[in-house]
PDB file of N, CA and C in Angstrom:
ATOM      1  N   UNK A   1     119.631 126.787 111.180  1.00  0.00           N
ATOM      2  CA  UNK A   1     119.717 125.481 111.810  1.00  0.00           C
ATOM      3  C   UNK A   1     118.552 124.578 111.387  1.00  0.00           C
ATOM      4  N   UNK A   2     117.335 125.105 111.426  1.00  0.00           N
ATOM      5  CA  UNK A   2     116.172 124.326 111.016  1.00  0.00           C
ATOM      6  C   UNK A   2     116.285 123.935 109.549  1.00  0.00           C
ATOM      7  N   UNK A   3     116.846 124.849 108.736  1.00  0.00           N
ATOM      8  CA  UNK A   3     117.035 124.579 107.318  1.00  0.00           C
ATOM      9  C   UNK A   3     117.986 123.396 107.119  1.00  0.00           C
ATOM     10  N   UNK A   4     119.028 123.313 107.936  1.00  0.00           N
ATOM     11  CA  UNK A   4     119.987 122.213 107.866  1.00  0.00           C
ATOM     12  C   UNK A   4     119.329 120.892 108.279  1.00  0.00           C
ATOM     13  N   UNK A   5     118.484 120.941 109.306  1.00  0.00           N
ATOM     14  CA  UNK A   5     117.746 119.750 109.717  1.00  0.00           C
ATOM     15  C   UNK A   5     116.810 119.276 108.614  1.00  0.00           C
ATOM     16  N   UNK A   6     116.179 120.203 107.930  1.00  0.00           N
ATOM     17  CA  UNK A   6     115.282 119.857 106.827  1.00  0.00           C
ATOM     18  C   UNK A   6     116.074 119.190 105.698  1.00  0.00           C
ATOM     19  N   UNK A   7     117.259 119.704 105.403  1.00  0.00           N
ATOM     20  CA  UNK A   7     118.106 119.094 104.370  1.00  0.00           C
ATOM     21  C   UNK A   7     118.507 117.677 104.774  1.00  0.00           C
ATOM     22  N   UNK A   8     118.869 117.499 106.042  1.00  0.00           N
ATOM     23  CA  UNK A   8     119.226 116.169 106.530  1.00  0.00           C
ATOM     24  C   UNK A   8     118.035 115.219 106.430  1.00  0.00           C
ATOM     25  N   UNK A   9     116.866 115.713 106.795  1.00  0.00           N
ATOM     26  CA  UNK A   9     115.643 114.910 106.732  1.00  0.00           C
ATOM     27  C   UNK A   9     115.371 114.452 105.304  1.00  0.00           C
ATOM     28  N   UNK A  10     115.429 115.389 104.359  1.00  0.00           N
ATOM     29  CA  UNK A  10     115.169 115.059 102.950  1.00  0.00           C
ATOM     30  C   UNK A  10     116.212 114.071 102.435  1.00  0.00           C
ATOM     31  N   UNK A  11     117.456 114.242 102.823  1.00  0.00           N
ATOM     32  CA  UNK A  11     118.517 113.314 102.408  1.00  0.00           C
ATOM     33  C   UNK A  11     118.229 111.915 102.968  1.00  0.00           C
ATOM     34  N   UNK A  12     117.804 111.840 104.235  1.00  0.00           N
ATOM     35  CA  UNK A  12     117.480 110.548 104.847  1.00  0.00           C
ATOM     36  C   UNK A  12     116.294 109.879 104.150  1.00  0.00           C
ATOM     37  N   UNK A  13     115.290 110.654 103.783  1.00  0.00           N
ATOM     38  CA  UNK A  13     114.139 110.108 103.055  1.00  0.00           C
ATOM     39  C   UNK A  13     114.593 109.581 101.696  1.00  0.00           C
ATOM     40  N   UNK A  14     115.446 110.316 101.023  1.00  0.00           N
ATOM     41  CA  UNK A  14     115.969 109.890  99.728  1.00  0.00           C
ATOM     42  C   UNK A  14     116.731 108.571  99.853  1.00  0.00           C
ATOM     43  N   UNK A  15     117.587 108.460 100.862  1.00  0.00           N
ATOM     44  CA  UNK A  15     118.345 107.227 101.094  1.00  0.00           C
ATOM     45  C   UNK A  15     117.405 106.058 101.403  1.00  0.00           C
ATOM     46  N   UNK A  16     116.357 106.334 102.165  1.00  0.00           N
ATOM     47  CA  UNK A  16     115.366 105.318 102.501  1.00  0.00           C
ATOM     48  C   UNK A  16     114.730 104.748 101.232  1.00  0.00           C
ATOM     49  N   UNK A  17     114.322 105.617 100.328  1.00  0.00           N
ATOM     50  CA  UNK A  17     113.662 105.139  99.112  1.00  0.00           C
ATOM     51  C   UNK A  17     114.630 104.459  98.152  1.00  0.00           C
ATOM     52  N   UNK A  18     115.906 104.771  98.214  1.00  0.00           N
ATOM     53  CA  UNK A  18     116.892 104.087  97.374  1.00  0.00           C
ATOM     54  C   UNK A  18     116.931 102.595  97.671  1.00  0.00           C
ATOM     55  N   UNK A  19     116.680 102.239  98.926  1.00  0.00           N
ATOM     56  CA  UNK A  19     116.695 100.827  99.316  1.00  0.00           C
ATOM     57  C   UNK A  19     115.632 100.055  98.549  1.00  0.00           C
ATOM     58  N   UNK A  20     114.540 100.697  98.186  1.00  0.00           N
ATOM     59  CA  UNK A  20     113.460 100.060  97.444  1.00  0.00           C
ATOM     60  C   UNK A  20     113.795  99.908  95.953  1.00  0.00           C
ATOM     61  N   UNK A  21     114.951 100.405  95.538  1.00  0.00           N
ATOM     62  CA  UNK A  21     115.329 100.375  94.129  1.00  0.00           C
ATOM     63  C   UNK A  21     116.015  99.095  93.691  1.00  0.00           C
ATOM     64  N   UNK A  22     115.886  98.039  94.453  1.00  0.00           N
ATOM     65  CA  UNK A  22     116.544  96.778  94.118  1.00  0.00           C
ATOM     66  C   UNK A  22     115.496  95.664  94.053  1.00  0.00           C
ATOM     67  N   UNK A  23     115.467  94.946  92.963  1.00  0.00           N
ATOM     68  CA  UNK A  23     114.462  93.902  92.740  1.00  0.00           C
ATOM     69  C   UNK A  23     114.526  92.825  93.821  1.00  0.00           C
ATOM     70  N   UNK A  24     115.718  92.391  94.177  1.00  0.00           N
ATOM     71  CA  UNK A  24     115.847  91.344  95.193  1.00  0.00           C
ATOM     72  C   UNK A  24     115.292  91.802  96.531  1.00  0.00           C
ATOM     73  N   UNK A  25     115.595  93.025  96.922  1.00  0.00           N
ATOM     74  CA  UNK A  25     115.085  93.526  98.199  1.00  0.00           C
ATOM     75  C   UNK A  25     113.566  93.624  98.189  1.00  0.00           C
ATOM     76  N   UNK A  26     112.995  94.046  97.071  1.00  0.00           N
ATOM     77  CA  UNK A  26     111.528  94.113  96.973  1.00  0.00           C
ATOM     78  C   UNK A  26     110.942  92.704  97.063  1.00  0.00           C
ATOM     79  N   UNK A  27     111.569  91.747  96.419  1.00  0.00           N
ATOM     80  CA  UNK A  27     111.072  90.364  96.474  1.00  0.00           C
ATOM     81  C   UNK A  27     111.137  89.811  97.898  1.00  0.00           C
ATOM     82  N   UNK A  28     112.201  90.137  98.625  1.00  0.00           N
ATOM     83  CA  UNK A  28     112.312  89.714 100.025  1.00  0.00           C
ATOM     84  C   UNK A  28     111.204  90.354 100.854  1.00  0.00           C
ATOM     85  N   UNK A  29     111.037  91.653 100.706  1.00  0.00           N
ATOM     86  CA  UNK A  29     109.991  92.359 101.454  1.00  0.00           C
ATOM     87  C   UNK A  29     108.611  91.806 101.124  1.00  0.00           C
ATOM     88  N   UNK A  30     108.373  91.558  99.840  1.00  0.00           N
ATOM     89  CA  UNK A  30     107.085  91.010  99.419  1.00  0.00           C
ATOM     90  C   UNK A  30     106.854  89.641 100.058  1.00  0.00           C
ATOM     91  N   UNK A  31     107.881  88.826 100.110  1.00  0.00           N
ATOM     92  CA  UNK A  31     107.765  87.511 100.735  1.00  0.00           C
ATOM     93  C   UNK A  31     107.460  87.645 102.225  1.00  0.00           C
ATOM     94  N   UNK A  32     108.040  88.648 102.867  1.00  0.00           N
ATOM     95  CA  UNK A  32     107.821  88.854 104.299  1.00  0.00           C
ATOM     96  C   UNK A  32     106.440  89.435 104.608  1.00  0.00           C
ATOM     97  N   UNK A  33     105.740  89.928 103.590  1.00  0.00           N
ATOM     98  CA  UNK A  33     104.361  90.377 103.806  1.00  0.00           C
ATOM     99  C   UNK A  33     103.495  89.232 104.330  1.00  0.00           C
ATOM    100  N   UNK A  34     103.842  88.006 103.932  1.00  0.00           N
ATOM    101  CA  UNK A  34     103.074  86.831 104.339  1.00  0.00           C
ATOM    102  C   UNK A  34     103.439  86.354 105.746  1.00  0.00           C
ATOM    103  N   UNK A  35     104.495  86.922 106.318  1.00  0.00           N
ATOM    104  CA  UNK A  35     104.897  86.526 107.668  1.00  0.00           C
ATOM    105  C   UNK A  35     106.381  86.264 107.753  1.00  0.00           C
ATOM    106  N   UNK A  36     106.843  86.031 108.969  1.00  0.00           N
ATOM    107  CA  UNK A  36     108.278  85.872 109.190  1.00  0.00           C
ATOM    108  C   UNK A  36     108.815  84.608 108.532  1.00  0.00           C
ATOM    109  N   UNK A  37     110.098  84.695 108.144  1.00  0.00           N
ATOM    110  CA  UNK A  37     110.769  83.583 107.478  1.00  0.00           C
ATOM    111  C   UNK A  37     112.238  83.589 107.883  1.00  0.00           C
ATOM    112  N   UNK A  38     112.862  82.422 107.777  1.00  0.00           N
ATOM    113  CA  UNK A  38     114.302  82.367 107.995  1.00  0.00           C
ATOM    114  C   UNK A  38     115.016  82.537 106.646  1.00  0.00           C
ATOM    115  N   UNK A  39     116.333  82.605 106.678  1.00  0.00           N
ATOM    116  CA  UNK A  39     117.100  82.851 105.448  1.00  0.00           C
ATOM    117  C   UNK A  39     116.856  81.755 104.421  1.00  0.00           C
ATOM    118  N   UNK A  40     116.795  80.521 104.875  1.00  0.00           N
ATOM    119  CA  UNK A  40     116.564  79.400 103.967  1.00  0.00           C
ATOM    120  C   UNK A  40     115.215  79.530 103.256  1.00  0.00           C
ATOM    121  N   UNK A  41     114.182  79.873 103.999  1.00  0.00           N
ATOM    122  CA  UNK A  41     112.852  80.042 103.403  1.00  0.00           C
ATOM    123  C   UNK A  41     112.834  81.217 102.427  1.00  0.00           C
ATOM    124  N   UNK A  42     113.527  82.297 102.779  1.00  0.00           N
ATOM    125  CA  UNK A  42     113.590  83.452 101.873  1.00  0.00           C
ATOM    126  C   UNK A  42     114.366  83.102 100.608  1.00  0.00           C
ATOM    127  N   UNK A  43     115.469  82.367 100.762  1.00  0.00           N
ATOM    128  CA  UNK A  43     116.271  81.972  99.593  1.00  0.00           C
ATOM    129  C   UNK A  43     115.434  81.133  98.640  1.00  0.00           C
ATOM    130  N   UNK A  44     114.623  80.233  99.192  1.00  0.00           N
ATOM    131  CA  UNK A  44     113.749  79.409  98.358  1.00  0.00           C
ATOM    132  C   UNK A  44     112.665  80.262  97.695  1.00  0.00           C
ATOM    133  N   UNK A  45     112.062  81.163  98.457  1.00  0.00           N
ATOM    134  CA  UNK A  45     110.982  82.001  97.928  1.00  0.00           C
ATOM    135  C   UNK A  45     111.467  82.922  96.818  1.00  0.00           C
ATOM    136  N   UNK A  46     112.697  83.401  96.943  1.00  0.00           N
ATOM    137  CA  UNK A  46     113.239  84.374  95.995  1.00  0.00           C
ATOM    138  C   UNK A  46     114.118  83.687  94.945  1.00  0.00           C
ATOM    139  N   UNK A  47     114.393  82.388  95.150  1.00  0.00           N
ATOM    140  CA  UNK A  47     115.217  81.590  94.236  1.00  0.00           C
ATOM    141  C   UNK A  47     116.619  82.182  94.084  1.00  0.00           C
ATOM    142  N   UNK A  48     117.253  82.387  95.231  1.00  0.00           N
ATOM    143  CA  UNK A  48     118.622  82.896  95.265  1.00  0.00           C
ATOM    144  C   UNK A  48     119.392  82.169  96.345  1.00  0.00           C
ATOM    145  N   UNK A  49     120.707  82.337  96.350  1.00  0.00           N
ATOM    146  CA  UNK A  49     121.532  81.691  97.368  1.00  0.00           C
ATOM    147  C   UNK A  49     121.306  82.340  98.729  1.00  0.00           C
ATOM    148  N   UNK A  50     121.569  81.553  99.764  1.00  0.00           N
ATOM    149  CA  UNK A  50     121.415  82.079 101.112  1.00  0.00           C
ATOM    150  C   UNK A  50     122.379  83.237 101.380  1.00  0.00           C
ATOM    151  N   UNK A  51     123.587  83.171 100.804  1.00  0.00           N
ATOM    152  CA  UNK A  51     124.543  84.272 101.032  1.00  0.00           C
ATOM    153  C   UNK A  51     124.068  85.560 100.368  1.00  0.00           C
ATOM    154  N   UNK A  52     123.453  85.451  99.189  1.00  0.00           N
ATOM    155  CA  UNK A  52     122.918  86.646  98.520  1.00  0.00           C
ATOM    156  C   UNK A  52     121.766  87.236  99.327  1.00  0.00           C
ATOM    157  N   UNK A  53     120.909  86.362  99.860  1.00  0.00           N
ATOM    158  CA  UNK A  53     119.790  86.822 100.683  1.00  0.00           C
ATOM    159  C   UNK A  53     120.312  87.477 101.952  1.00  0.00           C
ATOM    160  N   UNK A  54     121.301  86.866 102.585  1.00  0.00           N
ATOM    161  CA  UNK A  54     121.878  87.428 103.815  1.00  0.00           C
ATOM    162  C   UNK A  54     122.438  88.820 103.578  1.00  0.00           C
ATOM    163  N   UNK A  55     123.094  89.011 102.437  1.00  0.00           N
ATOM    164  CA  UNK A  55     123.630  90.336 102.106  1.00  0.00           C
ATOM    165  C   UNK A  55     122.502  91.366 102.002  1.00  0.00           C
ATOM    166  N   UNK A  56     121.438  91.010 101.302  1.00  0.00           N
ATOM    167  CA  UNK A  56     120.323  91.943 101.147  1.00  0.00           C
ATOM    168  C   UNK A  56     119.592  92.179 102.464  1.00  0.00           C
ATOM    169  N   UNK A  57     119.489  91.146 103.291  1.00  0.00           N
ATOM    170  CA  UNK A  57     118.869  91.321 104.603  1.00  0.00           C
ATOM    171  C   UNK A  57     119.664  92.296 105.465  1.00  0.00           C
ATOM    172  N   UNK A  58     120.984  92.266 105.322  1.00  0.00           N
ATOM    173  CA  UNK A  58     121.828  93.211 106.067  1.00  0.00           C
ATOM    174  C   UNK A  58     121.497  94.647 105.663  1.00  0.00           C
ATOM    175  N   UNK A  59     121.329  94.892 104.370  1.00  0.00           N
ATOM    176  CA  UNK A  59     120.956  96.225 103.881  1.00  0.00           C
ATOM    177  C   UNK A  59     119.582  96.620 104.427  1.00  0.00           C
ATOM    178  N   UNK A  60     118.650  95.688 104.371  1.00  0.00           N
ATOM    179  CA  UNK A  60     117.294  95.962 104.861  1.00  0.00           C
ATOM    180  C   UNK A  60     117.276  96.221 106.365  1.00  0.00           C
ATOM    181  N   UNK A  61     118.089  95.483 107.115  1.00  0.00           N
ATOM    182  CA  UNK A  61     118.188  95.713 108.573  1.00  0.00           C
ATOM    183  C   UNK A  61     118.793  97.083 108.866  1.00  0.00           C
ATOM    184  N   UNK A  62     119.861  97.423 108.160  1.00  0.00           N
ATOM    185  CA  UNK A  62     120.540  98.701 108.383  1.00  0.00           C
ATOM    186  C   UNK A  62     119.620  99.885 108.113  1.00  0.00           C
ATOM    187  N   UNK A  63     118.615  99.673 107.284  1.00  0.00           N
ATOM    188  CA  UNK A  63     117.676 100.737 106.945  1.00  0.00           C
ATOM    189  C   UNK A  63     116.339 100.587 107.666  1.00  0.00           C
ATOM    190  N   UNK A  64     116.322  99.741 108.688  1.00  0.00           N
ATOM    191  CA  UNK A  64     115.146  99.558 109.543  1.00  0.00           C
ATOM    192  C   UNK A  64     113.899  99.112 108.792  1.00  0.00           C
ATOM    193  N   UNK A  65     114.102  98.283 107.776  1.00  0.00           N
ATOM    194  CA  UNK A  65     112.962  97.747 107.033  1.00  0.00           C
ATOM    195  C   UNK A  65     112.598  96.346 107.476  1.00  0.00           C
ATOM    196  N   UNK A  66     113.577  95.601 107.980  1.00  0.00           N
ATOM    197  CA  UNK A  66     113.304  94.289 108.547  1.00  0.00           C
ATOM    198  C   UNK A  66     113.950  94.202 109.923  1.00  0.00           C
ATOM    199  N   UNK A  67     113.400  93.302 110.707  1.00  0.00           N
ATOM    200  CA  UNK A  67     113.972  93.009 112.021  1.00  0.00           C
ATOM    201  C   UNK A  67     114.114  91.498 112.112  1.00  0.00           C
ATOM    202  N   UNK A  68     114.861  91.049 113.101  1.00  0.00           N
ATOM    203  CA  UNK A  68     115.021  89.611 113.264  1.00  0.00           C
ATOM    204  C   UNK A  68     114.837  89.212 114.709  1.00  0.00           C
ATOM    205  N   UNK A  69     114.538  87.932 114.865  1.00  0.00           N
ATOM    206  CA  UNK A  69     114.339  87.359 116.189  1.00  0.00           C
ATOM    207  C   UNK A  69     115.011  86.000 116.192  1.00  0.00           C
ATOM    208  N   UNK A  70     115.833  85.760 117.195  1.00  0.00           N
ATOM    209  CA  UNK A  70     116.499  84.465 117.315  1.00  0.00           C
ATOM    210  C   UNK A  70     115.662  83.544 118.181  1.00  0.00           C
ATOM    211  N   UNK A  71     115.525  82.314 117.690  1.00  0.00           N
ATOM    212  CA  UNK A  71     114.866  81.259 118.454  1.00  0.00           C
ATOM    213  C   UNK A  71     115.823  80.077 118.444  1.00  0.00           C
ATOM    214  N   UNK A  72     116.592  79.948 119.522  1.00  0.00           N
ATOM    215  CA  UNK A  72     117.656  78.950 119.550  1.00  0.00           C
ATOM    216  C   UNK A  72     118.722  79.363 118.549  1.00  0.00           C
ATOM    217  N   UNK A  73     119.023  78.458 117.623  1.00  0.00           N
ATOM    218  CA  UNK A  73     120.009  78.779 116.585  1.00  0.00           C
ATOM    219  C   UNK A  73     119.354  79.383 115.342  1.00  0.00           C
ATOM    220  N   UNK A  74     118.042  79.295 115.278  1.00  0.00           N
ATOM    221  CA  UNK A  74     117.318  79.815 114.112  1.00  0.00           C
ATOM    222  C   UNK A  74     117.096  81.320 114.240  1.00  0.00           C
ATOM    223  N   UNK A  75     117.172  82.014 113.097  1.00  0.00           N
ATOM    224  CA  UNK A  75     116.920  83.452 113.038  1.00  0.00           C
ATOM    225  C   UNK A  75     115.760  83.683 112.075  1.00  0.00           C
ATOM    226  N   UNK A  76     114.743  84.368 112.554  1.00  0.00           N
ATOM    227  CA  UNK A  76     113.561  84.645 111.740  1.00  0.00           C
ATOM    228  C   UNK A  76     113.464  86.139 111.466  1.00  0.00           C
ATOM    229  N   UNK A  77     113.192  86.468 110.211  1.00  0.00           N
ATOM    230  CA  UNK A  77     113.087  87.859 109.774  1.00  0.00           C
ATOM    231  C   UNK A  77     111.629  88.220 109.532  1.00  0.00           C
ATOM    232  N   UNK A  78     111.315  89.478 109.804  1.00  0.00           N
ATOM    233  CA  UNK A  78     109.980  89.996 109.536  1.00  0.00           C
ATOM    234  C   UNK A  78     110.098  91.477 109.185  1.00  0.00           C
ATOM    235  N   UNK A  79     109.016  92.029 108.657  1.00  0.00           N
ATOM    236  CA  UNK A  79     108.993  93.467 108.382  1.00  0.00           C
ATOM    237  C   UNK A  79     109.139  94.205 109.701  1.00  0.00           C
ATOM    238  N   UNK A  80     109.859  95.316 109.685  1.00  0.00           N
ATOM    239  CA  UNK A  80     110.167  96.027 110.922  1.00  0.00           C
ATOM    240  C   UNK A  80     108.923  96.568 111.615  1.00  0.00           C
ATOM    241  N   UNK A  81     108.002  97.150 110.859  1.00  0.00           N
ATOM    242  CA  UNK A  81     106.762  97.658 111.454  1.00  0.00           C
ATOM    243  C   UNK A  81     105.712  97.847 110.374  1.00  0.00           C
ATOM    244  N   UNK A  82     104.549  98.318 110.785  1.00  0.00           N
ATOM    245  CA  UNK A  82     103.432  98.458 109.840  1.00  0.00           C
ATOM    246  C   UNK A  82     103.705  99.502 108.760  1.00  0.00           C
ATOM    247  N   UNK A  83     104.617 100.448 109.011  1.00  0.00           N
ATOM    248  CA  UNK A  83     104.929 101.454 107.986  1.00  0.00           C
ATOM    249  C   UNK A  83     105.554 100.804 106.757  1.00  0.00           C
ATOM    250  N   UNK A  84     106.425  99.839 106.982  1.00  0.00           N
ATOM    251  CA  UNK A  84     107.078  99.141 105.867  1.00  0.00           C
ATOM    252  C   UNK A  84     106.028  98.408 105.048  1.00  0.00           C
ATOM    253  N   UNK A  85     105.130  97.732 105.721  1.00  0.00           N
ATOM    254  CA  UNK A  85     104.052  97.025 105.034  1.00  0.00           C
ATOM    255  C   UNK A  85     103.205  98.001 104.221  1.00  0.00           C
ATOM    256  N   UNK A  86     102.851  99.127 104.807  1.00  0.00           N
ATOM    257  CA  UNK A  86     102.021 100.124 104.123  1.00  0.00           C
ATOM    258  C   UNK A  86     102.725 100.677 102.887  1.00  0.00           C
ATOM    259  N   UNK A  87     103.995 101.027 103.028  1.00  0.00           N
ATOM    260  CA  UNK A  87     104.758 101.588 101.898  1.00  0.00           C
ATOM    261  C   UNK A  87     104.822 100.581 100.758  1.00  0.00           C
ATOM    262  N   UNK A  88     105.149  99.333 101.093  1.00  0.00           N
ATOM    263  CA  UNK A  88     105.263  98.299 100.067  1.00  0.00           C
ATOM    264  C   UNK A  88     103.923  98.034  99.396  1.00  0.00           C
ATOM    265  N   UNK A  89     102.873  97.891 100.183  1.00  0.00           N
ATOM    266  CA  UNK A  89     101.551  97.622  99.611  1.00  0.00           C
ATOM    267  C   UNK A  89     101.051  98.803  98.777  1.00  0.00           C
ATOM    268  N   UNK A  90     101.289 100.019  99.228  1.00  0.00           N
ATOM    269  CA  UNK A  90     100.863 101.190  98.458  1.00  0.00           C
ATOM    270  C   UNK A  90     101.613 101.261  97.128  1.00  0.00           C
ATOM    271  N   UNK A  91     102.904 100.971  97.146  1.00  0.00           N
ATOM    272  CA  UNK A  91     103.680 100.969  95.909  1.00  0.00           C
ATOM    273  C   UNK A  91     103.169  99.924  94.930  1.00  0.00           C
ATOM    274  N   UNK A  92     102.889  98.732  95.432  1.00  0.00           N
ATOM    275  CA  UNK A  92     102.387  97.665  94.571  1.00  0.00           C
ATOM    276  C   UNK A  92     100.996  97.997  94.039  1.00  0.00           C
ATOM    277  N   UNK A  93     100.145  98.575  94.883  1.00  0.00           N
ATOM    278  CA  UNK A  93      98.807  98.976  94.450  1.00  0.00           C
ATOM    279  C   UNK A  93      98.897 100.048  93.364  1.00  0.00           C
ATOM    280  N   UNK A  94      99.787 100.992  93.542  1.00  0.00           N
ATOM    281  CA  UNK A  94      99.962 102.067  92.566  1.00  0.00           C
ATOM    282  C   UNK A  94     100.395 101.501  91.205  1.00  0.00           C
ATOM    283  N   UNK A  95     101.370 100.590  91.215  1.00  0.00           N
ATOM    284  CA  UNK A  95     101.857 100.009  89.956  1.00  0.00           C
ATOM    285  C   UNK A  95     100.772  99.159  89.299  1.00  0.00           C
ATOM    286  N   UNK A  96     100.028  98.384  90.092  1.00  0.00           N
ATOM    287  CA  UNK A  96      98.925  97.604  89.510  1.00  0.00           C
ATOM    288  C   UNK A  96      97.904  98.523  88.849  1.00  0.00           C
ATOM    289  N   UNK A  97      97.572  99.599  89.520  1.00  0.00           N
ATOM    290  CA  UNK A  97      96.578 100.557  89.000  1.00  0.00           C
ATOM    291  C   UNK A  97      97.077 101.246  87.736  1.00  0.00           C
ATOM    292  N   UNK A  98      98.295 101.739  87.771  1.00  0.00           N
ATOM    293  CA  UNK A  98      98.815 102.519  86.636  1.00  0.00           C
ATOM    294  C   UNK A  98      99.249 101.657  85.461  1.00  0.00           C
ATOM    295  N   UNK A  99      99.669 100.413  85.729  1.00  0.00           N
ATOM    296  CA  UNK A  99     100.192  99.572  84.648  1.00  0.00           C
ATOM    297  C   UNK A  99      99.282  98.420  84.280  1.00  0.00           C
ATOM    298  N   UNK A 100      98.155  98.290  84.976  1.00  0.00           N
ATOM    299  CA  UNK A 100      97.168  97.284  84.616  1.00  0.00           C
ATOM    300  C   UNK A 100      97.487  95.858  84.996  1.00  0.00           C
ATOM    301  N   UNK A 101      98.352  95.656  85.989  1.00  0.00           N
ATOM    302  CA  UNK A 101      98.629  94.296  86.453  1.00  0.00           C
ATOM    303  C   UNK A 101      97.440  93.773  87.255  1.00  0.00           C
ATOM    304  N   UNK A 102      97.211  92.470  87.122  1.00  0.00           N
ATOM    305  CA  UNK A 102      96.132  91.835  87.882  1.00  0.00           C
ATOM    306  C   UNK A 102      96.546  91.673  89.342  1.00  0.00           C
ATOM    307  N   UNK A 103      95.563  91.589  90.196  1.00  0.00           N
ATOM    308  CA  UNK A 103      95.854  91.403  91.627  1.00  0.00           C
ATOM    309  C   UNK A 103      96.172  89.974  91.928  1.00  0.00           C
TER     310      UNK A 103
END
């Protein structure tokens, strides 16, 4: 039984990291590092249509990477918690270090 739980855990971790395998999703997450934004602001920051951003936000929400808050008719997105920020920043730091990108 514990072995089956471990397999499920590893599968869930694998699925979690697959979400990071998309350039648009990384760009959205990177933009949200600076603070919450609405779909329009994210579309401008990432230079994509609002419908494309909305689709990617749905994937990010389903995987608990972003959360949203409604204020009247406006919806603002932010990183779900500090773990998401840490994972993203550590990944970017690692790539800068290994590939020589400037900060």
